[in-house]
Amino acid sequence: MIKDLLLAEAKQYEVCLVFEDNSKYIGMIEMSSDKKRVKCKHQDGIEWVPLDEIKHCSLSVPIKNRE
């Protein structure tokens, strides 16, 4: 999951974070300097989330046209 979060941060992909209580945040992320938390900018604001509270992470990768 850490690799996915680092990729999402580097490529500015949107993520869906699912937590132990099945709540979700969908938005953009930034890793903290200590690599134990992630800053998620989502529809309701900005939250700092400990990595150990995240149950699942999905990336939304944009599809580009090949023209």
PDB file of N, CA and C in Angstrom:
ATOM      1  N   MET A   1       0.813  -1.188   0.000  1.00  0.00           N
ATOM      2  CA  MET A   1       0.000   0.000   0.000  1.00  0.00           C
ATOM      3  C   MET A   1       0.862   1.259   0.000  1.00  0.00           C
ATOM      4  N   ILE A   2       1.993   1.242   0.673  1.00  0.00           N
ATOM      5  CA  ILE A   2       2.872   2.414   0.720  1.00  0.00           C
ATOM      6  C   ILE A   2       3.334   2.783  -0.685  1.00  0.00           C
ATOM      7  N   LYS A   3       3.674   1.771  -1.488  1.00  0.00           N
ATOM      8  CA  LYS A   3       4.108   2.042  -2.865  1.00  0.00           C
ATOM      9  C   LYS A   3       3.008   2.746  -3.647  1.00  0.00           C
ATOM     10  N   ASP A   4       1.763   2.311  -3.468  1.00  0.00           N
ATOM     11  CA  ASP A   4       0.637   2.937  -4.158  1.00  0.00           C
ATOM     12  C   ASP A   4       0.456   4.385  -3.721  1.00  0.00           C
ATOM     13  N   LEU A   5       0.587   4.633  -2.435  1.00  0.00           N
ATOM     14  CA  LEU A   5       0.442   5.997  -1.929  1.00  0.00           C
ATOM     15  C   LEU A   5       1.561   6.903  -2.438  1.00  0.00           C
ATOM     16  N   LEU A   6       2.782   6.388  -2.470  1.00  0.00           N
ATOM     17  CA  LEU A   6       3.903   7.174  -2.995  1.00  0.00           C
ATOM     18  C   LEU A   6       3.715   7.467  -4.481  1.00  0.00           C
ATOM     19  N   LEU A   7       3.228   6.492  -5.239  1.00  0.00           N
ATOM     20  CA  LEU A   7       2.952   6.693  -6.664  1.00  0.00           C
ATOM     21  C   LEU A   7       1.859   7.741  -6.852  1.00  0.00           C
ATOM     22  N   ALA A   8       0.794   7.639  -6.069  1.00  0.00           N
ATOM     23  CA  ALA A   8      -0.308   8.603  -6.160  1.00  0.00           C
ATOM     24  C   ALA A   8       0.167  10.017  -5.848  1.00  0.00           C
ATOM     25  N   GLU A   9       1.039  10.139  -4.870  1.00  0.00           N
ATOM     26  CA  GLU A   9       1.577  11.459  -4.524  1.00  0.00           C
ATOM     27  C   GLU A   9       2.448  11.998  -5.661  1.00  0.00           C
ATOM     28  N   ALA A  10       3.324  11.175  -6.196  1.00  0.00           N
ATOM     29  CA  ALA A  10       4.251  11.611  -7.246  1.00  0.00           C
ATOM     30  C   ALA A  10       3.528  11.981  -8.538  1.00  0.00           C
ATOM     31  N   LYS A  11       2.512  11.201  -8.899  1.00  0.00           N
ATOM     32  CA  LYS A  11       1.801  11.408 -10.172  1.00  0.00           C
ATOM     33  C   LYS A  11       0.532  12.242 -10.018  1.00  0.00           C
ATOM     34  N   GLN A  12       0.240  12.655  -8.777  1.00  0.00           N
ATOM     35  CA  GLN A  12      -0.964  13.434  -8.479  1.00  0.00           C
ATOM     36  C   GLN A  12      -2.247  12.706  -8.888  1.00  0.00           C
ATOM     37  N   TYR A  13      -2.304  11.392  -8.586  1.00  0.00           N
ATOM     38  CA  TYR A  13      -3.500  10.598  -8.829  1.00  0.00           C
ATOM     39  C   TYR A  13      -4.463  10.778  -7.663  1.00  0.00           C
ATOM     40  N   GLU A  14      -5.740  10.705  -7.963  1.00  0.00           N
ATOM     41  CA  GLU A  14      -6.746  10.705  -6.913  1.00  0.00           C
ATOM     42  C   GLU A  14      -6.783   9.316  -6.274  1.00  0.00           C
ATOM     43  N   VAL A  15      -7.028   9.256  -4.979  1.00  0.00           N
ATOM     44  CA  VAL A  15      -7.085   7.973  -4.273  1.00  0.00           C
ATOM     45  C   VAL A  15      -8.414   7.829  -3.534  1.00  0.00           C
ATOM     46  N   CYS A  16      -8.764   6.587  -3.284  1.00  0.00           N
ATOM     47  CA  CYS A  16      -9.884   6.258  -2.408  1.00  0.00           C
ATOM     48  C   CYS A  16      -9.303   5.479  -1.240  1.00  0.00           C
ATOM     49  N   LEU A  17      -9.372   6.055  -0.054  1.00  0.00           N
ATOM     50  CA  LEU A  17      -8.869   5.407   1.153  1.00  0.00           C
ATOM     51  C   LEU A  17     -10.050   4.840   1.931  1.00  0.00           C
ATOM     52  N   VAL A  18      -9.993   3.554   2.240  1.00  0.00           N
ATOM     53  CA  VAL A  18     -11.036   2.893   3.030  1.00  0.00           C
ATOM     54  C   VAL A  18     -10.439   2.571   4.395  1.00  0.00           C
ATOM     55  N   PHE A  19     -11.180   2.893   5.446  1.00  0.00           N
ATOM     56  CA  PHE A  19     -10.695   2.726   6.811  1.00  0.00           C
ATOM     57  C   PHE A  19     -11.327   1.512   7.488  1.00  0.00           C
ATOM     58  N   GLU A  20     -10.819   1.173   8.658  1.00  0.00           N
ATOM     59  CA  GLU A  20     -11.280  -0.003   9.411  1.00  0.00           C
ATOM     60  C   GLU A  20     -12.785   0.024   9.684  1.00  0.00           C
ATOM     61  N   ASP A  21     -13.369   1.213   9.849  1.00  0.00           N
ATOM     62  CA  ASP A  21     -14.813   1.319  10.104  1.00  0.00           C
ATOM     63  C   ASP A  21     -15.623   1.420   8.808  1.00  0.00           C
ATOM     64  N   ASN A  22     -14.967   1.168   7.657  1.00  0.00           N
ATOM     65  CA  ASN A  22     -15.553   1.208   6.310  1.00  0.00           C
ATOM     66  C   ASN A  22     -15.927   2.608   5.837  1.00  0.00           C
ATOM     67  N   SER A  23     -15.480   3.654   6.523  1.00  0.00           N
ATOM     68  CA  SER A  23     -15.641   5.005   6.001  1.00  0.00           C
ATOM     69  C   SER A  23     -14.596   5.214   4.904  1.00  0.00           C
ATOM     70  N   LYS A  24     -14.829   6.223   4.043  1.00  0.00           N
ATOM     71  CA  LYS A  24     -13.944   6.451   2.897  1.00  0.00           C
ATOM     72  C   LYS A  24     -13.624   7.930   2.748  1.00  0.00           C
ATOM     73  N   TYR A  25     -12.426   8.199   2.259  1.00  0.00           N
ATOM     74  CA  TYR A  25     -12.044   9.520   1.783  1.00  0.00           C
ATOM     75  C   TYR A  25     -11.615   9.354   0.339  1.00  0.00           C
ATOM     76  N   ILE A  26     -12.096  10.234  -0.523  1.00  0.00           N
ATOM     77  CA  ILE A  26     -11.672  10.249  -1.919  1.00  0.00           C
ATOM     78  C   ILE A  26     -11.071  11.619  -2.173  1.00  0.00           C
ATOM     79  N   GLY A  27      -9.806  11.634  -2.617  1.00  0.00           N
ATOM     80  CA  GLY A  27      -9.155  12.906  -2.861  1.00  0.00           C
ATOM     81  C   GLY A  27      -7.685  12.753  -3.183  1.00  0.00           C
ATOM     82  N   MET A  28      -6.959  13.851  -3.064  1.00  0.00           N
ATOM     83  CA  MET A  28      -5.530  13.888  -3.342  1.00  0.00           C
ATOM     84  C   MET A  28      -4.776  13.738  -2.023  1.00  0.00           C
ATOM     85  N   ILE A  29      -3.574  13.155  -2.098  1.00  0.00           N
ATOM     86  CA  ILE A  29      -2.811  12.918  -0.873  1.00  0.00           C
ATOM     87  C   ILE A  29      -1.413  13.519  -0.932  1.00  0.00           C
ATOM     88  N   GLU A  30      -0.839  13.694   0.244  1.00  0.00           N
ATOM     89  CA  GLU A  30       0.573  14.037   0.430  1.00  0.00           C
ATOM     90  C   GLU A  30       1.070  13.209   1.606  1.00  0.00           C
ATOM     91  N   MET A  31       2.246  12.626   1.466  1.00  0.00           N
ATOM     92  CA  MET A  31       2.839  11.863   2.568  1.00  0.00           C
ATOM     93  C   MET A  31       3.473  12.833   3.559  1.00  0.00           C
ATOM     94  N   SER A  32       3.459  12.486   4.837  1.00  0.00           N
ATOM     95  CA  SER A  32       4.128  13.302   5.847  1.00  0.00           C
ATOM     96  C   SER A  32       5.622  12.990   5.829  1.00  0.00           C
ATOM     97  N   SER A  33       6.403  13.841   6.442  1.00  0.00           N
ATOM     98  CA  SER A  33       7.854  13.634   6.445  1.00  0.00           C
ATOM     99  C   SER A  33       8.260  12.402   7.254  1.00  0.00           C
ATOM    100  N   ASP A  34       7.468  12.022   8.250  1.00  0.00           N
ATOM    101  CA  ASP A  34       7.806  10.835   9.043  1.00  0.00           C
ATOM    102  C   ASP A  34       7.283   9.533   8.425  1.00  0.00           C
ATOM    103  N   LYS A  35       6.554   9.623   7.324  1.00  0.00           N
ATOM    104  CA  LYS A  35       6.019   8.464   6.580  1.00  0.00           C
ATOM    105  C   LYS A  35       5.092   7.588   7.420  1.00  0.00           C
ATOM    106  N   LYS A  36       4.505   8.162   8.471  1.00  0.00           N
ATOM    107  CA  LYS A  36       3.554   7.408   9.288  1.00  0.00           C
ATOM    108  C   LYS A  36       2.133   7.918   9.127  1.00  0.00           C
ATOM    109  N   ARG A  37       2.004   9.057   8.447  1.00  0.00           N
ATOM    110  CA  ARG A  37       0.685   9.656   8.227  1.00  0.00           C
ATOM    111  C   ARG A  37       0.588  10.126   6.786  1.00  0.00           C
ATOM    112  N   VAL A  38      -0.640  10.314   6.350  1.00  0.00           N
ATOM    113  CA  VAL A  38      -0.882  10.841   5.015  1.00  0.00           C
ATOM    114  C   VAL A  38      -1.892  11.991   5.142  1.00  0.00           C
ATOM    115  N   LYS A  39      -1.644  13.041   4.382  1.00  0.00           N
ATOM    116  CA  LYS A  39      -2.541  14.190   4.360  1.00  0.00           C
ATOM    117  C   LYS A  39      -3.485  13.987   3.188  1.00  0.00           C
ATOM    118  N   CYS A  40      -4.771  13.932   3.452  1.00  0.00           N
ATOM    119  CA  CYS A  40      -5.757  13.693   2.402  1.00  0.00           C
ATOM    120  C   CYS A  40      -6.637  14.928   2.241  1.00  0.00           C
ATOM    121  N   LYS A  41      -6.617  15.506   1.038  1.00  0.00           N
ATOM    122  CA  LYS A  41      -7.504  16.622   0.702  1.00  0.00           C
ATOM    123  C   LYS A  41      -8.720  16.002   0.031  1.00  0.00           C
ATOM    124  N   HIS A  42      -9.848  16.002   0.733  1.00  0.00           N
ATOM    125  CA  HIS A  42     -11.039  15.327   0.230  1.00  0.00           C
ATOM    126  C   HIS A  42     -12.226  16.281   0.195  1.00  0.00           C
ATOM    127  N   GLN A  43     -13.395  15.751  -0.148  1.00  0.00           N
ATOM    128  CA  GLN A  43     -14.587  16.553  -0.364  1.00  0.00           C
ATOM    129  C   GLN A  43     -15.028  17.350   0.867  1.00  0.00           C
ATOM    130  N   ASP A  44     -14.681  16.894   2.056  1.00  0.00           N
ATOM    131  CA  ASP A  44     -15.109  17.574   3.278  1.00  0.00           C
ATOM    132  C   ASP A  44     -14.012  18.390   3.949  1.00  0.00           C
ATOM    133  N   GLY A  45     -12.823  18.432   3.377  1.00  0.00           N
ATOM    134  CA  GLY A  45     -11.740  19.203   3.970  1.00  0.00           C
ATOM    135  C   GLY A  45     -10.405  18.502   3.852  1.00  0.00           C
ATOM    136  N   ILE A  46      -9.539  18.758   4.818  1.00  0.00           N
ATOM    137  CA  ILE A  46      -8.198  18.166   4.841  1.00  0.00           C
ATOM    138  C   ILE A  46      -8.034  17.412   6.155  1.00  0.00           C
ATOM    139  N   GLU A  47      -7.550  16.182   6.066  1.00  0.00           N
ATOM    140  CA  GLU A  47      -7.345  15.343   7.252  1.00  0.00           C
ATOM    141  C   GLU A  47      -5.947  14.745   7.226  1.00  0.00           C
ATOM    142  N   TRP A  48      -5.328  14.618   8.399  1.00  0.00           N
ATOM    143  CA  TRP A  48      -4.090  13.851   8.554  1.00  0.00           C
ATOM    144  C   TRP A  48      -4.495  12.479   9.067  1.00  0.00           C
ATOM    145  N   VAL A  49      -4.156  11.428   8.330  1.00  0.00           N
ATOM    146  CA  VAL A  49      -4.600  10.073   8.655  1.00  0.00           C
ATOM    147  C   VAL A  49      -3.391   9.182   8.931  1.00  0.00           C
ATOM    148  N   PRO A  50      -3.356   8.504  10.082  1.00  0.00           N
ATOM    149  CA  PRO A  50      -2.284   7.527  10.329  1.00  0.00           C
ATOM    150  C   PRO A  50      -2.400   6.354   9.352  1.00  0.00           C
ATOM    151  N   LEU A  51      -1.274   5.903   8.823  1.00  0.00           N
ATOM    152  CA  LEU A  51      -1.285   4.813   7.845  1.00  0.00           C
ATOM    153  C   LEU A  51      -1.879   3.529   8.408  1.00  0.00           C
ATOM    154  N   ASP A  52      -1.704   3.286   9.703  1.00  0.00           N
ATOM    155  CA  ASP A  52      -2.219   2.040  10.271  1.00  0.00           C
ATOM    156  C   ASP A  52      -3.746   2.010  10.388  1.00  0.00           C
ATOM    157  N   GLU A  53      -4.422   3.138  10.133  1.00  0.00           N
ATOM    158  CA  GLU A  53      -5.885   3.171  10.132  1.00  0.00           C
ATOM    159  C   GLU A  53      -6.472   2.877   8.752  1.00  0.00           C
ATOM    160  N   ILE A  54      -5.622   2.858   7.718  1.00  0.00           N
ATOM    161  CA  ILE A  54      -6.100   2.627   6.352  1.00  0.00           C
ATOM    162  C   ILE A  54      -6.176   1.128   6.096  1.00  0.00           C
ATOM    163  N   LYS A  55      -7.357   0.664   5.698  1.00  0.00           N
ATOM    164  CA  LYS A  55      -7.575  -0.753   5.409  1.00  0.00           C
ATOM    165  C   LYS A  55      -7.288  -1.065   3.943  1.00  0.00           C
ATOM    166  N   HIS A  56      -7.645  -0.136   3.039  1.00  0.00           N
ATOM    167  CA  HIS A  56      -7.479  -0.365   1.604  1.00  0.00           C
ATOM    168  C   HIS A  56      -7.262   0.970   0.898  1.00  0.00           C
ATOM    169  N   CYS A  57      -6.495   0.928  -0.178  1.00  0.00           N
ATOM    170  CA  CYS A  57      -6.214   2.119  -0.980  1.00  0.00           C
ATOM    171  C   CYS A  57      -6.397   1.781  -2.453  1.00  0.00           C
ATOM    172  N   SER A  58      -7.160   2.604  -3.171  1.00  0.00           N
ATOM    173  CA  SER A  58      -7.328   2.448  -4.618  1.00  0.00           C
ATOM    174  C   SER A  58      -6.890   3.736  -5.300  1.00  0.00           C
ATOM    175  N   LEU A  59      -6.226   3.601  -6.443  1.00  0.00           N
ATOM    176  CA  LEU A  59      -5.790   4.759  -7.217  1.00  0.00           C
ATOM    177  C   LEU A  59      -6.714   4.967  -8.401  1.00  0.00           C
ATOM    178  N   SER A  60      -6.948   6.217  -8.737  1.00  0.00           N
ATOM    179  CA  SER A  60      -7.702   6.562  -9.939  1.00  0.00           C
ATOM    180  C   SER A  60      -6.697   7.102 -10.954  1.00  0.00           C
ATOM    181  N   VAL A  61      -6.337   6.253 -11.921  1.00  0.00           N
ATOM    182  CA  VAL A  61      -5.332   6.605 -12.918  1.00  0.00           C
ATOM    183  C   VAL A  61      -6.040   7.109 -14.170  1.00  0.00           C
ATOM    184  N   PRO A  62      -5.765   8.339 -14.597  1.00  0.00           N
ATOM    185  CA  PRO A  62      -6.427   8.861 -15.795  1.00  0.00           C
ATOM    186  C   PRO A  62      -5.973   8.128 -17.057  1.00  0.00           C
ATOM    187  N   ILE A  63      -6.906   7.951 -17.980  1.00  0.00           N
ATOM    188  CA  ILE A  63      -6.599   7.317 -19.265  1.00  0.00           C
ATOM    189  C   ILE A  63      -6.406   8.422 -20.290  1.00  0.00           C
ATOM    190  N   LYS A  64      -5.280   8.364 -20.996  1.00  0.00           N
ATOM    191  CA  LYS A  64      -4.980   9.377 -22.005  1.00  0.00           C
ATOM    192  C   LYS A  64      -5.244   8.811 -23.389  1.00  0.00           C
ATOM    193  N   ASN A  65      -5.763   9.661 -24.273  1.00  0.00           N
ATOM    194  CA  ASN A  65      -6.005   9.243 -25.660  1.00  0.00           C
ATOM    195  C   ASN A  65      -4.696   9.103 -26.405  1.00  0.00           C
ATOM    196  N   ARG A  66      -4.620   8.092 -27.242  1.00  0.00           N
ATOM    197  CA  ARG A  66      -3.431   7.902 -28.087  1.00  0.00           C
ATOM    198  C   ARG A  66      -3.745   8.430 -29.479  1.00  0.00           C
ATOM    199  N   GLU A  67      -3.492   9.686 -29.705  1.00  0.00           N
ATOM    200  CA  GLU A  67      -3.760  10.279 -31.022  1.00  0.00           C
ATOM    201  C   GLU A  67      -2.496  10.791 -31.643  1.00  0.00           C
TER     202      GLU A  67
END
